[in-house]
Amino acid sequence: MERLWSPWRIGYVSDSPSSECADDCIFCANPQEGDDEKLLILHRGRSAYIMMNLYPYNNGHLMICPFRHVSELGELEQAEVMELMELSVLGIEALKREMKPAGFNLGINLGKTAGAGFAGHLHLHIVPRWEGDTNFMPVLADTKVIAENLKAAYKRLYGSIQNILAGQ
């Protein structure tokens, strides 16, 4: 098996907060700030919310986050688990309508060793995928090509989620 090394990510991965809610936990702080568009929060549910990833792997990369600061799946209440899945379905539907990806990667990185950038606050990633969306840029130029401005993608996905929730 060949390996693709990405040493530029070590700073992001190694600077994660502890499992106790710290002042710098973005998943706790962002919903409290109140400026959803600025913070890329697309939808707030009862116990969880959908936000766009500020450092996306692909255009439209979403994260589903519980409001409560928990680091393990077993710490979630049944209603929180259900809402994480319901919001995942909602996010995927919005991505299908607006960006028409060929597939998706869904994942939760539990713990720093598993790749969690914020190990203290569990969150589910939804990464839309297209045929040929990987290329030479990250390897040769240390650059990831994102096809759309985050604010433009936010407006499209926000509108799509509102339409879905309105039954349109």
Protein backbone atom coordinates (compact mmCIF):
# COMPACT_ATOMS: atom_id res chain seq x y z
CA MET A 1 0.00 0.00 0.00
CA GLU A 2 1.27 3.47 -0.87
CA ARG A 3 1.07 6.29 1.67
CA LEU A 4 0.31 9.93 1.06
CA TRP A 5 1.86 12.07 3.77
CA SER A 6 0.30 15.42 4.70
CA PRO A 7 2.63 16.89 7.33
CA TRP A 8 1.03 20.35 7.05
CA ARG A 9 -2.00 19.03 8.99
CA ILE A 10 -0.04 18.22 12.17
CA GLY A 11 -0.59 21.69 13.65
CA TYR A 12 -4.32 21.45 13.11
CA VAL A 13 -4.53 17.94 14.55
CA SER A 14 -2.18 18.44 17.50
CA ASP A 15 -3.78 21.66 18.78
CA SER A 16 -7.11 20.11 19.80
CA PRO A 17 -8.71 21.04 23.12
CA SER A 18 -9.19 18.58 25.97
CA SER A 19 -12.40 16.63 26.48
CA GLU A 20 -13.64 19.23 28.98
CA CYS A 21 -15.39 22.17 27.35
CA ALA A 22 -12.72 24.80 26.90
CA ASP A 23 -13.26 28.44 26.01
CA ASP A 24 -11.70 27.75 22.62
CA CYS A 25 -14.08 24.92 21.64
CA ILE A 26 -15.56 26.24 18.40
CA PHE A 27 -18.44 23.77 18.54
CA CYS A 28 -19.56 25.23 21.88
CA ALA A 29 -18.68 28.88 21.19
CA ASN A 30 -20.00 29.32 17.64
CA PRO A 31 -23.70 28.64 18.34
CA GLN A 32 -23.58 30.98 21.34
CA GLU A 33 -22.18 33.87 19.30
CA GLY A 34 -25.41 34.26 17.33
CA ASP A 35 -24.07 35.23 13.89
CA ASP A 36 -24.94 32.04 12.01
CA GLU A 37 -23.98 33.27 8.54
CA LYS A 38 -20.57 34.51 9.68
CA LEU A 39 -19.93 31.22 11.49
CA LEU A 40 -21.34 29.11 8.62
CA ILE A 41 -24.13 27.57 10.73
CA LEU A 42 -26.76 26.41 8.26
CA HIS A 43 -29.44 25.04 10.59
CA ARG A 44 -30.12 24.69 14.31
CA GLY A 45 -32.07 21.73 15.60
CA ARG A 46 -33.17 20.95 19.15
CA SER A 47 -29.95 19.29 20.30
CA ALA A 48 -27.60 19.61 17.31
CA TYR A 49 -26.81 21.87 14.37
CA ILE A 50 -25.37 21.81 10.84
CA MET A 51 -22.39 23.96 9.95
CA MET A 52 -20.00 24.21 7.04
CA ASN A 53 -16.36 23.35 7.59
CA LEU A 54 -14.17 26.47 7.46
CA TYR A 55 -11.31 24.25 6.22
CA PRO A 56 -13.19 21.92 3.85
CA TYR A 57 -11.82 18.77 2.27
CA ASN A 58 -14.22 19.43 -0.61
CA ASN A 59 -16.72 22.10 -1.57
CA GLY A 60 -19.82 21.72 0.62
CA HIS A 61 -18.05 19.87 3.48
CA LEU A 62 -20.56 19.90 6.37
CA MET A 63 -20.34 19.02 10.04
CA ILE A 64 -23.21 17.92 12.27
CA CYS A 65 -22.51 18.90 15.88
CA PRO A 66 -24.37 18.35 19.12
CA PHE A 67 -24.82 21.52 21.16
CA ARG A 68 -23.72 19.59 24.25
CA HIS A 69 -19.97 19.17 24.73
CA VAL A 70 -19.39 15.41 24.53
CA SER A 71 -16.46 13.46 23.13
CA GLU A 72 -17.85 9.91 22.94
CA LEU A 73 -20.84 8.43 21.13
CA GLY A 74 -21.86 6.69 24.35
CA GLU A 75 -22.21 10.06 26.08
CA LEU A 76 -24.97 11.15 23.68
CA GLU A 77 -28.60 10.76 24.68
CA GLN A 78 -30.83 8.78 22.33
CA ALA A 79 -32.56 11.95 21.11
CA GLU A 80 -29.18 13.50 20.28
CA VAL A 81 -28.12 10.44 18.27
CA MET A 82 -31.41 10.52 16.37
CA GLU A 83 -31.05 14.22 15.60
CA LEU A 84 -27.45 13.78 14.41
CA MET A 85 -28.75 11.26 11.88
CA GLU A 86 -31.80 13.37 10.95
CA LEU A 87 -29.60 16.41 10.34
CA SER A 88 -27.20 14.26 8.31
CA VAL A 89 -30.10 13.28 6.05
CA LEU A 90 -31.11 16.95 5.77
CA GLY A 91 -27.54 18.03 4.94
CA ILE A 92 -27.11 15.30 2.34
CA GLU A 93 -30.41 16.22 0.68
CA ALA A 94 -29.39 19.90 0.50
CA LEU A 95 -26.01 18.94 -0.99
CA LYS A 96 -27.70 16.68 -3.55
CA ARG A 97 -30.06 19.46 -4.63
CA GLU A 98 -27.49 22.23 -4.84
CA MET A 99 -24.16 20.59 -5.66
CA LYS A 100 -25.13 17.27 -7.21
CA PRO A 101 -22.22 15.17 -5.89
CA ALA A 102 -21.73 11.60 -7.07
CA GLY A 103 -21.35 10.30 -3.50
CA PHE A 104 -20.54 11.15 0.11
CA ASN A 105 -18.12 10.29 2.86
CA LEU A 106 -19.62 10.38 6.37
CA GLY A 107 -17.41 10.00 9.38
CA ILE A 108 -16.75 10.68 13.02
CA ASN A 109 -13.15 10.81 14.22
CA LEU A 110 -13.27 9.72 17.86
CA GLY A 111 -10.12 10.83 19.66
CA LYS A 112 -7.00 12.66 18.64
CA THR A 113 -5.32 9.47 17.46
CA ALA A 114 -8.23 8.83 15.09
CA GLY A 115 -7.68 12.25 13.50
CA ALA A 116 -10.11 14.41 15.47
CA GLY A 117 -9.03 18.03 15.14
CA PHE A 118 -11.31 18.86 18.09
CA ALA A 119 -11.23 15.64 20.09
CA GLY A 120 -13.23 17.06 22.97
CA HIS A 121 -16.39 17.76 20.98
CA LEU A 122 -17.81 14.98 18.84
CA HIS A 123 -18.99 15.98 15.35
CA LEU A 124 -19.96 14.12 12.20
CA HIS A 125 -18.40 15.07 8.85
CA ILE A 126 -20.28 14.94 5.56
CA VAL A 127 -17.92 15.30 2.62
CA PRO A 128 -19.51 15.43 -0.84
CA ARG A 129 -17.54 13.61 -3.53
CA TRP A 130 -17.39 13.88 -7.32
CA GLU A 131 -15.70 11.71 -9.91
CA GLY A 132 -12.14 12.98 -10.27
CA ASP A 133 -12.28 15.33 -7.26
CA THR A 134 -8.80 14.30 -6.21
CA ASN A 135 -5.90 15.57 -8.26
CA PHE A 136 -2.23 16.48 -8.12
CA MET A 137 -2.61 19.91 -6.46
CA PRO A 138 -2.46 18.80 -2.80
CA VAL A 139 0.55 16.58 -3.49
CA LEU A 140 2.63 18.80 -5.73
CA ALA A 141 1.57 22.29 -4.70
CA ASP A 142 0.43 21.80 -1.07
CA THR A 143 -2.88 23.31 -2.23
CA LYS A 144 -6.47 22.05 -2.11
CA VAL A 145 -8.70 23.39 -4.85
CA ILE A 146 -12.15 24.38 -3.57
CA ALA A 147 -14.49 25.16 -6.45
CA GLU A 148 -16.74 27.71 -4.74
CA ASN A 149 -16.43 30.56 -2.25
CA LEU A 150 -17.63 29.51 1.22
CA LYS A 151 -20.13 32.39 1.48
CA ALA A 152 -21.67 31.57 -1.92
CA ALA A 153 -21.93 27.88 -0.98
CA TYR A 154 -23.44 28.88 2.38
CA LYS A 155 -26.19 30.91 0.72
CA ARG A 156 -27.06 28.08 -1.69
CA LEU A 157 -27.12 25.41 1.00
CA TYR A 158 -28.98 27.60 3.50
CA GLY A 159 -31.68 28.27 0.91
CA SER A 160 -31.89 24.60 0.04
CA ILE A 161 -32.31 23.59 3.68
CA GLN A 162 -35.06 26.18 4.14
CA ASN A 163 -36.86 24.80 1.05
CA ILE A 164 -36.57 21.21 2.28
CA LEU A 165 -37.93 22.16 5.71
CA ALA A 166 -40.81 24.04 4.01
CA GLY A 167 -41.67 20.90 2.02
CA GLN A 168 -40.56 22.31 -1.33
